[in-house]
Amino acid sequence: MFALDEIDKKILGELLINSNRSNRELARAIGVSAATVINHIQRLESAGVITDYTVMLDFERLGFELTVIMTVTVGRGKLLETQRDIAKLPYVCAVYDVTGQVDSIVIAKFRNRRELSEFPKDLLAMEYVERTNTHVVLNTIKEDFRMVDNLR
């Protein structure tokens, strides 16, 4: 585990809110010099804590009106390979290797029922997928993996 100091936490919190700001703006927001921000960000990137910079999208506004949570059971000792294959599918947002009665949980987003209808069929066509169970999300109360408040 990488040890974060208070400046690291402040920088990460600010980047999670808006990663499009300049180092000067970040420095002003947390009360340090731009050089300090640059040094900390480089250290966080080198350590693999910061892996990428991206934007947050409202997928519903882009036409992805259906979110599903699918459980998947995989057989014959090919779990990781199958999970990696599932992760490559275009509608997949997340693949989790989990404990319990199923092997994986998959989160995916679709524009319409036709796209959703094809997805479990595609999974079941995979050689080692034995079973799927699809849960359609009716309402999204919160969907934000940034965990901004946990860094403060």
C-alpha atoms as a PDB file:
ATOM      1  CA  MET A   1       0.000   0.000   0.000  1.00  0.00           C
ATOM      2  CA  PHE A   2       1.238   3.464  -0.920  1.00  0.00           C
ATOM      3  CA  ALA A   3       1.338   5.926   2.005  1.00  0.00           C
ATOM      4  CA  LEU A   4      -0.376   9.230   1.210  1.00  0.00           C
ATOM      5  CA  ASP A   5       0.587  12.396   3.030  1.00  0.00           C
ATOM      6  CA  GLU A   6      -1.846  15.274   3.576  1.00  0.00           C
ATOM      7  CA  ILE A   7      -0.746  17.115   0.421  1.00  0.00           C
ATOM      8  CA  ASP A   8      -1.221  13.929  -1.646  1.00  0.00           C
ATOM      9  CA  LYS A   9      -4.747  13.543  -0.245  1.00  0.00           C
ATOM     10  CA  LYS A  10      -5.616  17.157  -1.012  1.00  0.00           C
ATOM     11  CA  ILE A  11      -4.244  16.910  -4.553  1.00  0.00           C
ATOM     12  CA  LEU A  12      -6.090  13.657  -5.233  1.00  0.00           C
ATOM     13  CA  GLY A  13      -9.305  15.093  -3.841  1.00  0.00           C
ATOM     14  CA  GLU A  14      -9.007  18.134  -6.096  1.00  0.00           C
ATOM     15  CA  LEU A  15      -8.137  16.021  -9.145  1.00  0.00           C
ATOM     16  CA  LEU A  16     -11.143  13.789  -8.516  1.00  0.00           C
ATOM     17  CA  ILE A  17     -13.381  16.837  -8.526  1.00  0.00           C
ATOM     18  CA  ASN A  18     -11.820  18.284 -11.692  1.00  0.00           C
ATOM     19  CA  SER A  19      -8.670  16.851 -13.281  1.00  0.00           C
ATOM     20  CA  ASN A  20      -8.708  19.498 -15.996  1.00  0.00           C
ATOM     21  CA  ARG A  21      -7.181  22.224 -13.816  1.00  0.00           C
ATOM     22  CA  SER A  22      -3.638  23.475 -14.181  1.00  0.00           C
ATOM     23  CA  ASN A  23      -0.984  22.792 -11.554  1.00  0.00           C
ATOM     24  CA  ARG A  24      -1.188  26.465 -10.564  1.00  0.00           C
ATOM     25  CA  GLU A  25      -4.926  26.207  -9.991  1.00  0.00           C
ATOM     26  CA  LEU A  26      -4.453  23.036  -7.940  1.00  0.00           C
ATOM     27  CA  ALA A  27      -1.704  24.712  -5.908  1.00  0.00           C
ATOM     28  CA  ARG A  28      -3.923  27.715  -5.213  1.00  0.00           C
ATOM     29  CA  ALA A  29      -6.810  25.429  -4.164  1.00  0.00           C
ATOM     30  CA  ILE A  30      -4.749  23.554  -1.566  1.00  0.00           C
ATOM     31  CA  GLY A  31      -2.381  26.325  -0.499  1.00  0.00           C
ATOM     32  CA  VAL A  32       0.993  25.086  -1.754  1.00  0.00           C
ATOM     33  CA  SER A  33       3.348  26.006  -4.593  1.00  0.00           C
ATOM     34  CA  ALA A  34       2.906  24.749  -8.151  1.00  0.00           C
ATOM     35  CA  ALA A  35       6.298  23.015  -7.858  1.00  0.00           C
ATOM     36  CA  THR A  36       5.030  21.074  -4.839  1.00  0.00           C
ATOM     37  CA  VAL A  37       1.947  19.988  -6.798  1.00  0.00           C
ATOM     38  CA  ILE A  38       4.098  18.896  -9.763  1.00  0.00           C
ATOM     39  CA  ASN A  39       6.430  16.876  -7.523  1.00  0.00           C
ATOM     40  CA  HIS A  40       3.563  15.160  -5.710  1.00  0.00           C
ATOM     41  CA  ILE A  41       1.684  14.355  -8.922  1.00  0.00           C
ATOM     42  CA  GLN A  42       4.832  12.899 -10.517  1.00  0.00           C
ATOM     43  CA  ARG A  43       5.402  10.751  -7.421  1.00  0.00           C
ATOM     44  CA  LEU A  44       1.756   9.584  -7.431  1.00  0.00           C
ATOM     45  CA  GLU A  45       1.970   8.741 -11.142  1.00  0.00           C
ATOM     46  CA  SER A  46       5.287   6.882 -10.719  1.00  0.00           C
ATOM     47  CA  ALA A  47       3.840   4.855  -7.853  1.00  0.00           C
ATOM     48  CA  GLY A  48       0.809   3.915  -9.968  1.00  0.00           C
ATOM     49  CA  VAL A  49      -1.654   5.697  -7.665  1.00  0.00           C
ATOM     50  CA  ILE A  50      -2.698   7.984 -10.531  1.00  0.00           C
ATOM     51  CA  THR A  51      -3.139   5.769 -13.567  1.00  0.00           C
ATOM     52  CA  ASP A  52      -5.059   8.031 -15.941  1.00  0.00           C
ATOM     53  CA  TYR A  53      -6.947  11.288 -16.330  1.00  0.00           C
ATOM     54  CA  THR A  54     -10.480  11.167 -17.664  1.00  0.00           C
ATOM     55  CA  VAL A  55     -13.914  12.778 -17.696  1.00  0.00           C
ATOM     56  CA  MET A  56     -17.169  11.740 -16.060  1.00  0.00           C
ATOM     57  CA  LEU A  57     -20.008  11.210 -18.494  1.00  0.00           C
ATOM     58  CA  ASP A  58     -23.750  11.125 -17.978  1.00  0.00           C
ATOM     59  CA  PHE A  59     -24.391   7.919 -19.902  1.00  0.00           C
ATOM     60  CA  GLU A  60     -28.166   8.360 -19.850  1.00  0.00           C
ATOM     61  CA  ARG A  61     -27.793  11.668 -21.737  1.00  0.00           C
ATOM     62  CA  LEU A  62     -25.710   9.756 -24.283  1.00  0.00           C
ATOM     63  CA  GLY A  63     -28.529   7.266 -24.797  1.00  0.00           C
ATOM     64  CA  PHE A  64     -27.389   4.433 -22.517  1.00  0.00           C
ATOM     65  CA  GLU A  65     -30.685   4.093 -20.682  1.00  0.00           C
ATOM     66  CA  LEU A  66     -30.250   0.561 -19.346  1.00  0.00           C
ATOM     67  CA  THR A  67     -27.758  -0.517 -16.699  1.00  0.00           C
ATOM     68  CA  VAL A  68     -27.523  -4.153 -15.697  1.00  0.00           C
ATOM     69  CA  ILE A  69     -25.789  -6.020 -12.949  1.00  0.00           C
ATOM     70  CA  MET A  70     -25.166  -9.573 -14.052  1.00  0.00           C
ATOM     71  CA  THR A  71     -23.890 -12.495 -12.060  1.00  0.00           C
ATOM     72  CA  VAL A  72     -21.847 -15.052 -13.985  1.00  0.00           C
ATOM     73  CA  THR A  73     -20.858 -18.612 -13.105  1.00  0.00           C
ATOM     74  CA  VAL A  74     -17.775 -19.943 -14.885  1.00  0.00           C
ATOM     75  CA  GLY A  75     -16.716 -23.573 -15.050  1.00  0.00           C
ATOM     76  CA  ARG A  76     -13.723 -25.813 -15.617  1.00  0.00           C
ATOM     77  CA  GLY A  77     -11.009 -23.675 -14.041  1.00  0.00           C
ATOM     78  CA  LYS A  78     -10.988 -20.912 -16.660  1.00  0.00           C
ATOM     79  CA  LEU A  79     -12.252 -18.115 -14.438  1.00  0.00           C
ATOM     80  CA  LEU A  80      -9.607 -15.427 -14.970  1.00  0.00           C
ATOM     81  CA  GLU A  81      -9.364 -16.010 -18.717  1.00  0.00           C
ATOM     82  CA  THR A  82     -13.148 -15.829 -19.047  1.00  0.00           C
ATOM     83  CA  GLN A  83     -13.335 -12.687 -16.907  1.00  0.00           C
ATOM     84  CA  ARG A  84     -10.710 -11.036 -19.105  1.00  0.00           C
ATOM     85  CA  ASP A  85     -12.722 -11.981 -22.220  1.00  0.00           C
ATOM     86  CA  ILE A  86     -15.905 -10.548 -20.683  1.00  0.00           C
ATOM     87  CA  ALA A  87     -14.035  -7.330 -19.795  1.00  0.00           C
ATOM     88  CA  LYS A  88     -13.231  -6.822 -23.495  1.00  0.00           C
ATOM     89  CA  LEU A  89     -16.911  -6.735 -24.537  1.00  0.00           C
ATOM     90  CA  PRO A  90     -18.034  -3.260 -25.616  1.00  0.00           C
ATOM     91  CA  TYR A  91     -20.874  -2.605 -23.154  1.00  0.00           C
ATOM     92  CA  VAL A  92     -19.004  -3.785 -20.066  1.00  0.00           C
ATOM     93  CA  CYS A  93     -18.100  -1.148 -17.460  1.00  0.00           C
ATOM     94  CA  ALA A  94     -16.793  -3.440 -14.710  1.00  0.00           C
ATOM     95  CA  VAL A  95     -15.995  -7.076 -14.029  1.00  0.00           C
ATOM     96  CA  TYR A  96     -15.530  -8.242 -10.453  1.00  0.00           C
ATOM     97  CA  ASP A  97     -14.135 -11.573  -9.254  1.00  0.00           C
ATOM     98  CA  VAL A  98     -16.256 -12.257  -6.157  1.00  0.00           C
ATOM     99  CA  THR A  99     -16.831 -14.732  -3.378  1.00  0.00           C
ATOM    100  CA  GLY A 100     -20.142 -16.510  -2.873  1.00  0.00           C
ATOM    101  CA  GLN A 101     -22.414 -18.592  -5.048  1.00  0.00           C
ATOM    102  CA  VAL A 102     -21.342 -16.924  -8.288  1.00  0.00           C
ATOM    103  CA  ASP A 103     -17.884 -16.286  -9.726  1.00  0.00           C
ATOM    104  CA  SER A 104     -18.222 -12.827 -11.246  1.00  0.00           C
ATOM    105  CA  ILE A 105     -20.332  -9.714 -11.207  1.00  0.00           C
ATOM    106  CA  VAL A 106     -20.509  -7.697 -14.408  1.00  0.00           C
ATOM    107  CA  ILE A 107     -21.846  -4.169 -14.761  1.00  0.00           C
ATOM    108  CA  ALA A 108     -22.825  -3.101 -18.267  1.00  0.00           C
ATOM    109  CA  LYS A 109     -24.772  -0.300 -19.958  1.00  0.00           C
ATOM    110  CA  PHE A 110     -27.004  -0.504 -23.033  1.00  0.00           C
ATOM    111  CA  ARG A 111     -28.921   1.891 -25.260  1.00  0.00           C
ATOM    112  CA  ASN A 112     -31.957  -0.346 -25.674  1.00  0.00           C
ATOM    113  CA  ARG A 113     -33.515  -3.758 -25.001  1.00  0.00           C
ATOM    114  CA  ARG A 114     -32.163  -5.220 -28.238  1.00  0.00           C
ATOM    115  CA  GLU A 115     -28.578  -4.571 -27.169  1.00  0.00           C
ATOM    116  CA  LEU A 116     -29.344  -5.881 -23.695  1.00  0.00           C
ATOM    117  CA  SER A 117     -31.014  -8.976 -25.132  1.00  0.00           C
ATOM    118  CA  GLU A 118     -27.891  -9.903 -27.089  1.00  0.00           C
ATOM    119  CA  PHE A 119     -25.513  -9.536 -24.144  1.00  0.00           C
ATOM    120  CA  PRO A 120     -26.417 -12.592 -22.033  1.00  0.00           C
ATOM    121  CA  LYS A 121     -26.552 -14.646 -25.225  1.00  0.00           C
ATOM    122  CA  ASP A 122     -23.021 -13.503 -26.069  1.00  0.00           C
ATOM    123  CA  LEU A 123     -21.855 -14.463 -22.588  1.00  0.00           C
ATOM    124  CA  LEU A 124     -23.543 -17.854 -22.663  1.00  0.00           C
ATOM    125  CA  ALA A 125     -21.887 -18.525 -26.030  1.00  0.00           C
ATOM    126  CA  MET A 126     -18.490 -18.272 -24.315  1.00  0.00           C
ATOM    127  CA  GLU A 127     -17.014 -21.714 -23.816  1.00  0.00           C
ATOM    128  CA  TYR A 128     -16.682 -21.651 -20.030  1.00  0.00           C
ATOM    129  CA  VAL A 129     -19.680 -19.538 -18.996  1.00  0.00           C
ATOM    130  CA  GLU A 130     -22.168 -21.876 -17.358  1.00  0.00           C
ATOM    131  CA  ARG A 131     -24.852 -19.529 -16.078  1.00  0.00           C
ATOM    132  CA  THR A 132     -25.837 -15.863 -15.947  1.00  0.00           C
ATOM    133  CA  ASN A 133     -28.448 -13.946 -13.988  1.00  0.00           C
ATOM    134  CA  THR A 134     -29.319 -10.426 -15.112  1.00  0.00           C
ATOM    135  CA  HIS A 135     -30.630  -7.673 -12.845  1.00  0.00           C
ATOM    136  CA  VAL A 136     -31.896  -4.539 -14.607  1.00  0.00           C
ATOM    137  CA  VAL A 137     -31.310  -1.330 -12.649  1.00  0.00           C
ATOM    138  CA  LEU A 138     -34.547   0.626 -12.307  1.00  0.00           C
ATOM    139  CA  ASN A 139     -33.140   3.783 -10.695  1.00  0.00           C
ATOM    140  CA  THR A 140     -29.571   4.885 -10.067  1.00  0.00           C
ATOM    141  CA  ILE A 141     -29.336   6.570  -6.692  1.00  0.00           C
ATOM    142  CA  LYS A 142     -25.558   7.012  -6.797  1.00  0.00           C
ATOM    143  CA  GLU A 143     -22.933   5.991  -9.322  1.00  0.00           C
ATOM    144  CA  ASP A 144     -19.593   7.554  -8.551  1.00  0.00           C
ATOM    145  CA  PHE A 145     -16.412   5.568  -7.964  1.00  0.00           C
ATOM    146  CA  ARG A 146     -14.260   8.602  -7.197  1.00  0.00           C
ATOM    147  CA  MET A 147     -14.723   8.391  -3.381  1.00  0.00           C
ATOM    148  CA  VAL A 148     -13.747  12.049  -3.043  1.00  0.00           C
ATOM    149  CA  ASP A 149     -14.874  12.366   0.596  1.00  0.00           C
ATOM    150  CA  ASN A 150     -12.733   9.406   1.669  1.00  0.00           C
ATOM    151  CA  LEU A 151      -9.514  11.277   0.810  1.00  0.00           C
ATOM    152  CA  ARG A 152     -10.267  14.339   2.888  1.00  0.00           C
END
